[in-house]
C-alpha atoms as a PDB file:
ATOM      1  CA  MET A   1     -50.147  31.205   6.479  1.00  0.00           C
ATOM      2  CA  PRO A   2     -53.211  32.589   8.060  1.00  0.00           C
ATOM      3  CA  ARG A   3     -56.315  33.457   6.059  1.00  0.00           C
ATOM      4  CA  LEU A   4     -58.909  35.884   5.030  1.00  0.00           C
ATOM      5  CA  HIS A   5     -61.502  35.267   7.931  1.00  0.00           C
ATOM      6  CA  LYS A   6     -65.493  35.378   6.321  1.00  0.00           C
ATOM      7  CA  GLU A   7     -65.957  38.501   8.490  1.00  0.00           C
ATOM      8  CA  GLY A   8     -63.124  40.153   6.115  1.00  0.00           C
ATOM      9  CA  PHE A   9     -64.767  39.131   2.220  1.00  0.00           C
ATOM     10  CA  LYS A  10     -67.759  40.818   3.879  1.00  0.00           C
ATOM     11  CA  ILE A  11     -66.032  44.422   5.178  1.00  0.00           C
ATOM     12  CA  VAL A  12     -62.432  44.385   3.255  1.00  0.00           C
ATOM     13  CA  PRO A  13     -63.637  45.024  -0.057  1.00  0.00           C
ATOM     14  CA  ILE A  14     -65.988  47.778   1.248  1.00  0.00           C
ATOM     15  CA  ILE A  15     -63.003  49.439   2.889  1.00  0.00           C
ATOM     16  CA  GLY A  16     -60.239  49.183   0.217  1.00  0.00           C
ATOM     17  CA  LEU A  17     -62.578  50.587  -2.489  1.00  0.00           C
ATOM     18  CA  ALA A  18     -63.637  53.250  -0.089  1.00  0.00           C
ATOM     19  CA  LEU A  19     -59.820  54.177   0.729  1.00  0.00           C
ATOM     20  CA  LEU A  20     -58.473  53.392  -3.198  1.00  0.00           C
ATOM     21  CA  GLY A  21     -61.293  55.587  -4.277  1.00  0.00           C
ATOM     22  CA  LEU A  22     -59.597  57.970  -1.295  1.00  0.00           C
ATOM     23  CA  ALA A  23     -56.617  57.858  -2.453  1.00  0.00           C
ATOM     24  CA  LEU A  24     -57.312  58.244  -6.348  1.00  0.00           C
ATOM     25  CA  GLY A  25     -59.123  61.300  -5.394  1.00  0.00           C
ATOM     26  CA  LEU A  26     -56.743  63.248  -3.409  1.00  0.00           C
ATOM     27  CA  THR A  27     -53.963  61.762  -6.164  1.00  0.00           C
ATOM     28  CA  TYR A  28     -56.196  63.276  -8.991  1.00  0.00           C
ATOM     29  CA  PHE A  29     -56.578  67.212  -7.178  1.00  0.00           C
ATOM     30  CA  LEU A  30     -52.407  67.023  -5.671  1.00  0.00           C
ATOM     31  CA  PRO A  31     -49.462  67.759  -8.634  1.00  0.00           C
ATOM     32  CA  GLN A  32     -48.217  64.538  -9.936  1.00  0.00           C
ATOM     33  CA  PHE A  33     -44.764  62.296  -9.027  1.00  0.00           C
ATOM     34  CA  THR A  34     -44.391  64.829  -5.575  1.00  0.00           C
ATOM     35  CA  LEU A  35     -43.588  63.672  -2.343  1.00  0.00           C
ATOM     36  CA  LYS A  36     -47.407  63.725  -1.005  1.00  0.00           C
ATOM     37  CA  ASN A  37     -48.403  61.255  -3.907  1.00  0.00           C
ATOM     38  CA  TYR A  38     -45.957  58.763  -2.644  1.00  0.00           C
ATOM     39  CA  LEU A  39     -47.484  59.346   0.753  1.00  0.00           C
ATOM     40  CA  ILE A  40     -50.524  59.243  -0.390  1.00  0.00           C
ATOM     41  CA  TRP A  41     -50.264  56.248  -2.067  1.00  0.00           C
ATOM     42  CA  GLY A  42     -48.025  54.779   1.318  1.00  0.00           C
ATOM     43  CA  LEU A  43     -51.037  55.723   3.299  1.00  0.00           C
ATOM     44  CA  PHE A  44     -52.922  53.221   0.784  1.00  0.00           C
ATOM     45  CA  ILE A  45     -50.659  50.429   1.561  1.00  0.00           C
ATOM     46  CA  VAL A  46     -50.442  50.922   5.232  1.00  0.00           C
ATOM     47  CA  MET A  47     -54.410  51.019   6.020  1.00  0.00           C
ATOM     48  CA  ILE A  48     -55.755  48.761   3.764  1.00  0.00           C
ATOM     49  CA  THR A  49     -52.477  45.979   4.911  1.00  0.00           C
ATOM     50  CA  LEU A  50     -54.389  46.730   8.550  1.00  0.00           C
ATOM     51  CA  VAL A  51     -57.922  46.307   7.910  1.00  0.00           C
ATOM     52  CA  THR A  52     -56.627  42.792   6.105  1.00  0.00           C
ATOM     53  CA  ARG A  53     -54.355  41.686   8.736  1.00  0.00           C
ATOM     54  CA  PHE A  54     -57.413  42.705  11.696  1.00  0.00           C
ATOM     55  CA  PHE A  55     -59.497  39.616   9.655  1.00  0.00           C
ATOM     56  CA  ARG A  56     -56.834  36.704   9.608  1.00  0.00           C
ATOM     57  CA  VAL A  57     -57.323  33.614  10.805  1.00  0.00           C
ATOM     58  CA  PRO A  58     -54.316  32.442  12.593  1.00  0.00           C
ATOM     59  CA  LEU A  59     -53.257  28.884  12.665  1.00  0.00           C
ATOM     60  CA  ARG A  60     -53.617  28.188  16.827  1.00  0.00           C
ATOM     61  CA  HIS A  61     -52.751  24.517  18.197  1.00  0.00           C
ATOM     62  CA  SER A  62     -55.684  23.935  20.774  1.00  0.00           C
ATOM     63  CA  PRO A  63     -55.021  21.358  23.512  1.00  0.00           C
ATOM     64  CA  GLN A  64     -57.954  19.260  25.098  1.00  0.00           C
ATOM     65  CA  ASN A  65     -58.475  18.160  28.787  1.00  0.00           C
ATOM     66  CA  ASN A  66     -62.226  18.314  30.661  1.00  0.00           C
ATOM     67  CA  HIS A  67     -60.725  20.599  33.350  1.00  0.00           C
ATOM     68  CA  GLN A  68     -59.328  22.962  31.294  1.00  0.00           C
ATOM     69  CA  VAL A  69     -60.278  26.460  30.516  1.00  0.00           C
ATOM     70  CA  PHE A  70     -58.880  28.068  27.364  1.00  0.00           C
ATOM     71  CA  SER A  71     -58.846  31.843  26.512  1.00  0.00           C
ATOM     72  CA  SER A  72     -61.817  32.683  24.050  1.00  0.00           C
ATOM     73  CA  ALA A  73     -60.027  35.110  22.521  1.00  0.00           C
ATOM     74  CA  ASP A  74     -56.480  36.962  21.756  1.00  0.00           C
ATOM     75  CA  GLY A  75     -55.704  39.923  24.347  1.00  0.00           C
ATOM     76  CA  GLU A  76     -55.460  40.796  27.762  1.00  0.00           C
ATOM     77  CA  VAL A  77     -56.067  39.769  30.971  1.00  0.00           C
ATOM     78  CA  VAL A  78     -58.275  42.655  32.778  1.00  0.00           C
ATOM     79  CA  VAL A  79     -60.394  41.920  35.107  1.00  0.00           C
ATOM     80  CA  ILE A  80     -59.753  38.330  37.225  1.00  0.00           C
ATOM     81  CA  GLU A  81     -62.592  38.940  40.183  1.00  0.00           C
ATOM     82  CA  GLU A  82     -65.345  37.078  41.820  1.00  0.00           C
ATOM     83  CA  THR A  83     -68.514  38.529  41.118  1.00  0.00           C
ATOM     84  CA  THR A  84     -72.645  37.814  41.167  1.00  0.00           C
ATOM     85  CA  GLU A  85     -73.256  36.698  37.040  1.00  0.00           C
ATOM     86  CA  LYS A  86     -76.329  38.191  36.390  1.00  0.00           C
ATOM     87  CA  GLU A  87     -78.451  36.859  33.483  1.00  0.00           C
ATOM     88  CA  TYR A  88     -78.029  33.314  33.589  1.00  0.00           C
ATOM     89  CA  PHE A  89     -76.339  32.002  36.767  1.00  0.00           C
ATOM     90  CA  LYS A  90     -77.195  34.888  39.025  1.00  0.00           C
ATOM     91  CA  ASP A  91     -75.402  34.060  41.963  1.00  0.00           C
ATOM     92  CA  THR A  92     -71.288  34.158  42.577  1.00  0.00           C
ATOM     93  CA  ARG A  93     -68.943  33.150  39.537  1.00  0.00           C
ATOM     94  CA  ILE A  94     -65.023  33.893  39.203  1.00  0.00           C
ATOM     95  CA  GLN A  95     -64.619  36.467  36.292  1.00  0.00           C
ATOM     96  CA  VAL A  96     -61.278  36.746  33.517  1.00  0.00           C
ATOM     97  CA  SER A  97     -62.058  39.118  31.106  1.00  0.00           C
ATOM     98  CA  VAL A  98     -59.827  39.528  28.386  1.00  0.00           C
ATOM     99  CA  PHE A  99     -59.785  43.165  26.352  1.00  0.00           C
ATOM    100  CA  MET A 100     -58.971  42.766  22.431  1.00  0.00           C
ATOM    101  CA  SER A 101     -57.363  45.897  20.914  1.00  0.00           C
ATOM    102  CA  ILE A 102     -57.901  47.144  17.542  1.00  0.00           C
ATOM    103  CA  TYR A 103     -54.361  45.144  17.062  1.00  0.00           C
ATOM    104  CA  ASN A 104     -55.245  41.479  17.728  1.00  0.00           C
ATOM    105  CA  VAL A 105     -56.974  38.527  16.361  1.00  0.00           C
ATOM    106  CA  HIS A 106     -61.496  38.944  16.779  1.00  0.00           C
ATOM    107  CA  ILE A 107     -62.255  35.674  16.416  1.00  0.00           C
ATOM    108  CA  ASN A 108     -63.663  34.115  20.072  1.00  0.00           C
ATOM    109  CA  TRP A 109     -63.202  30.037  20.632  1.00  0.00           C
ATOM    110  CA  ALA A 110     -64.904  27.737  22.760  1.00  0.00           C
ATOM    111  CA  PRO A 111     -62.751  28.098  25.915  1.00  0.00           C
ATOM    112  CA  VAL A 112     -64.041  24.585  27.108  1.00  0.00           C
ATOM    113  CA  THR A 113     -65.084  21.197  25.344  1.00  0.00           C
ATOM    114  CA  GLY A 114     -68.553  20.142  26.543  1.00  0.00           C
ATOM    115  CA  GLU A 115     -72.589  21.350  25.044  1.00  0.00           C
ATOM    116  CA  VAL A 116     -73.810  24.376  24.094  1.00  0.00           C
ATOM    117  CA  ILE A 117     -77.209  24.765  26.373  1.00  0.00           C
ATOM    118  CA  TYR A 118     -77.420  28.902  26.010  1.00  0.00           C
ATOM    119  CA  GLN A 119     -77.250  31.294  23.791  1.00  0.00           C
ATOM    120  CA  LYS A 120     -78.682  34.881  23.603  1.00  0.00           C
ATOM    121  CA  TYR A 121     -78.144  38.005  22.032  1.00  0.00           C
ATOM    122  CA  ASP A 122     -78.701  41.511  23.647  1.00  0.00           C
ATOM    123  CA  PRO A 123     -78.881  44.938  22.151  1.00  0.00           C
ATOM    124  CA  GLY A 124     -77.232  47.402  24.339  1.00  0.00           C
ATOM    125  CA  LYS A 125     -75.362  50.317  24.778  1.00  0.00           C
ATOM    126  CA  PHE A 126     -71.322  51.407  23.387  1.00  0.00           C
ATOM    127  CA  LEU A 127     -69.763  51.726  26.751  1.00  0.00           C
ATOM    128  CA  PRO A 128     -65.606  52.038  25.901  1.00  0.00           C
ATOM    129  CA  ALA A 129     -64.754  47.657  26.438  1.00  0.00           C
ATOM    130  CA  TRP A 130     -62.634  48.179  29.170  1.00  0.00           C
ATOM    131  CA  MET A 131     -65.374  49.783  31.325  1.00  0.00           C
ATOM    132  CA  PRO A 132     -66.705  46.583  34.008  1.00  0.00           C
ATOM    133  CA  LYS A 133     -70.626  48.008  33.233  1.00  0.00           C
ATOM    134  CA  SER A 134     -70.113  46.975  29.790  1.00  0.00           C
ATOM    135  CA  SER A 135     -70.358  43.531  31.059  1.00  0.00           C
ATOM    136  CA  GLU A 136     -74.301  44.673  31.324  1.00  0.00           C
ATOM    137  CA  LEU A 137     -74.896  47.464  28.911  1.00  0.00           C
ATOM    138  CA  ASN A 138     -73.157  46.681  26.648  1.00  0.00           C
ATOM    139  CA  GLU A 139     -74.647  45.427  23.255  1.00  0.00           C
ATOM    140  CA  ARG A 140     -73.842  41.966  23.814  1.00  0.00           C
ATOM    141  CA  ASN A 141     -74.414  37.979  23.200  1.00  0.00           C
ATOM    142  CA  THR A 142     -73.974  35.297  25.779  1.00  0.00           C
ATOM    143  CA  PHE A 143     -72.752  31.471  25.175  1.00  0.00           C
ATOM    144  CA  VAL A 144     -73.133  28.982  28.727  1.00  0.00           C
ATOM    145  CA  ILE A 145     -71.068  25.580  27.528  1.00  0.00           C
ATOM    146  CA  ARG A 146     -72.112  22.790  29.639  1.00  0.00           C
ATOM    147  CA  THR A 147     -68.915  20.071  30.448  1.00  0.00           C
ATOM    148  CA  ASP A 148     -69.130  16.420  30.011  1.00  0.00           C
ATOM    149  CA  GLU A 149     -68.552  16.844  33.615  1.00  0.00           C
ATOM    150  CA  GLY A 150     -71.410  19.101  34.294  1.00  0.00           C
ATOM    151  CA  HIS A 151     -69.297  22.083  35.673  1.00  0.00           C
ATOM    152  CA  GLU A 152     -70.747  25.384  33.903  1.00  0.00           C
ATOM    153  CA  VAL A 153     -69.119  28.194  31.492  1.00  0.00           C
ATOM    154  CA  LEU A 154     -70.467  31.118  30.425  1.00  0.00           C
ATOM    155  CA  VAL A 155     -69.136  33.478  27.559  1.00  0.00           C
ATOM    156  CA  ARG A 156     -69.863  36.711  26.763  1.00  0.00           C
ATOM    157  CA  GLN A 157     -68.548  38.663  23.434  1.00  0.00           C
ATOM    158  CA  ILE A 158     -68.517  42.584  24.374  1.00  0.00           C
ATOM    159  CA  ALA A 159     -68.923  45.127  21.879  1.00  0.00           C
ATOM    160  CA  GLY A 160     -67.038  48.453  22.498  1.00  0.00           C
ATOM    161  CA  THR A 161     -66.813  52.186  21.435  1.00  0.00           C
ATOM    162  CA  VAL A 162     -65.728  51.225  18.015  1.00  0.00           C
ATOM    163  CA  ALA A 163     -67.205  47.528  17.214  1.00  0.00           C
ATOM    164  CA  ARG A 164     -70.691  47.753  16.377  1.00  0.00           C
ATOM    165  CA  ARG A 165     -71.068  43.963  15.404  1.00  0.00           C
ATOM    166  CA  ILE A 166     -71.037  40.809  17.200  1.00  0.00           C
ATOM    167  CA  ALA A 167     -71.126  37.459  15.060  1.00  0.00           C
ATOM    168  CA  TRP A 168     -71.895  34.211  16.236  1.00  0.00           C
ATOM    169  CA  TYR A 169     -72.209  30.651  14.668  1.00  0.00           C
ATOM    170  CA  LYS A 170     -73.266  28.318  17.389  1.00  0.00           C
ATOM    171  CA  LYS A 171     -76.484  27.423  19.129  1.00  0.00           C
ATOM    172  CA  PRO A 172     -77.905  24.938  21.763  1.00  0.00           C
ATOM    173  CA  GLY A 173     -77.603  21.980  20.892  1.00  0.00           C
ATOM    174  CA  GLU A 174     -74.622  22.139  19.394  1.00  0.00           C
ATOM    175  CA  ARG A 175     -70.746  20.560  20.721  1.00  0.00           C
ATOM    176  CA  VAL A 176     -67.677  22.813  21.184  1.00  0.00           C
ATOM    177  CA  GLN A 177     -64.081  22.033  22.079  1.00  0.00           C
ATOM    178  CA  PRO A 178     -61.356  24.718  21.696  1.00  0.00           C
ATOM    179  CA  GLY A 179     -60.048  25.714  19.089  1.00  0.00           C
ATOM    180  CA  ASP A 180     -63.899  25.685  17.505  1.00  0.00           C
ATOM    181  CA  GLN A 181     -65.193  29.128  16.712  1.00  0.00           C
ATOM    182  CA  LEU A 182     -68.124  30.279  18.888  1.00  0.00           C
ATOM    183  CA  GLY A 183     -68.625  34.171  16.738  1.00  0.00           C
ATOM    184  CA  PHE A 184     -66.521  37.131  15.492  1.00  0.00           C
ATOM    185  CA  ILE A 185     -66.761  41.390  16.746  1.00  0.00           C
ATOM    186  CA  ARG A 186     -65.451  43.592  14.953  1.00  0.00           C
ATOM    187  CA  PHE A 187     -62.650  46.749  15.434  1.00  0.00           C
ATOM    188  CA  GLY A 188     -61.880  46.631  19.262  1.00  0.00           C
ATOM    189  CA  SER A 189     -63.626  44.562  21.977  1.00  0.00           C
ATOM    190  CA  ARG A 190     -63.934  42.301  25.038  1.00  0.00           C
ATOM    191  CA  VAL A 191     -64.955  38.769  26.205  1.00  0.00           C
ATOM    192  CA  ASP A 192     -66.194  38.031  29.704  1.00  0.00           C
ATOM    193  CA  ILE A 193     -66.027  34.120  30.866  1.00  0.00           C
ATOM    194  CA  PHE A 194     -67.797  33.033  34.514  1.00  0.00           C
ATOM    195  CA  MET A 195     -66.394  29.651  35.780  1.00  0.00           C
ATOM    196  CA  PRO A 196     -67.546  28.479  39.128  1.00  0.00           C
ATOM    197  CA  VAL A 197     -66.231  29.531  42.744  1.00  0.00           C
ATOM    198  CA  GLY A 198     -63.317  27.190  43.411  1.00  0.00           C
ATOM    199  CA  THR A 199     -61.836  27.634  39.833  1.00  0.00           C
ATOM    200  CA  SER A 200     -57.683  27.676  39.965  1.00  0.00           C
ATOM    201  CA  ILE A 201     -56.726  30.805  38.172  1.00  0.00           C
ATOM    202  CA  LYS A 202     -53.786  30.151  35.892  1.00  0.00           C
ATOM    203  CA  VAL A 203     -53.256  34.031  34.524  1.00  0.00           C
ATOM    204  CA  LYS A 204     -52.586  37.722  35.889  1.00  0.00           C
ATOM    205  CA  LEU A 205     -54.320  41.105  35.247  1.00  0.00           C
ATOM    206  CA  GLY A 206     -52.539  42.354  32.730  1.00  0.00           C
ATOM    207  CA  GLU A 207     -50.805  39.040  30.835  1.00  0.00           C
ATOM    208  CA  LYS A 208     -50.705  39.055  27.310  1.00  0.00           C
ATOM    209  CA  VAL A 209     -53.144  36.045  25.972  1.00  0.00           C
ATOM    210  CA  LYS A 210     -53.653  34.208  22.570  1.00  0.00           C
ATOM    211  CA  GLY A 211     -57.256  31.870  22.139  1.00  0.00           C
ATOM    212  CA  SER A 212     -57.664  28.705  22.221  1.00  0.00           C
ATOM    213  CA  GLU A 213     -53.958  28.715  23.142  1.00  0.00           C
ATOM    214  CA  THR A 214     -53.457  30.284  26.609  1.00  0.00           C
ATOM    215  CA  LEU A 215     -54.747  28.727  29.675  1.00  0.00           C
ATOM    216  CA  LEU A 216     -57.126  30.565  31.688  1.00  0.00           C
ATOM    217  CA  ALA A 217     -57.663  28.359  34.479  1.00  0.00           C
ATOM    218  CA  GLU A 218     -58.157  24.490  35.708  1.00  0.00           C
ATOM    219  CA  LEU A 219     -62.483  23.941  36.619  1.00  0.00           C
ATOM    220  CA  PRO A 220     -62.831  22.108  40.017  1.00  0.00           C
END
């Protein structure tokens, strides 16, 4: 059974108390035992359930293979292209981006086995996460992981219009593997993964993927 993520312990009680106060206030000012009261409490239950579900930690099977790249996030593949990565590589890479809606799990997992060699947080704007410019302009956090074969894979957490809080849990020098949590983004966001040219992509645009389970690509 999924458990509550540690980020949820910080915010679920606050939202729960706020919703409870709102429900109690509306109930107090409306006639008792009416259909409206039942709707208010029904809506309260639905809202607190959705918020709690947002912070769930699912059980995932994470295969291990030195040449395979797994999705870092749940969501929909919205970008597959060759592009210039400007922050770290400053050359041409293959980019695969996964957009997470508010209904997805918002944990970000390591896509490969290796060592974190770079991590940088940048405050920025809050453009919609599906926009191409969000990768360079929005609040973001970037990891680079070097595999044991020497390939470097960049993972970028990007905040969106609603998401205004990026958490990251790893720092340079730490080893990671698929199934390890790199971080978390609250309420709607996107993850970009940049891989070497020559990487074989295994997903299609519009495909739904699962973090730590869906095979995104195979490194050259």
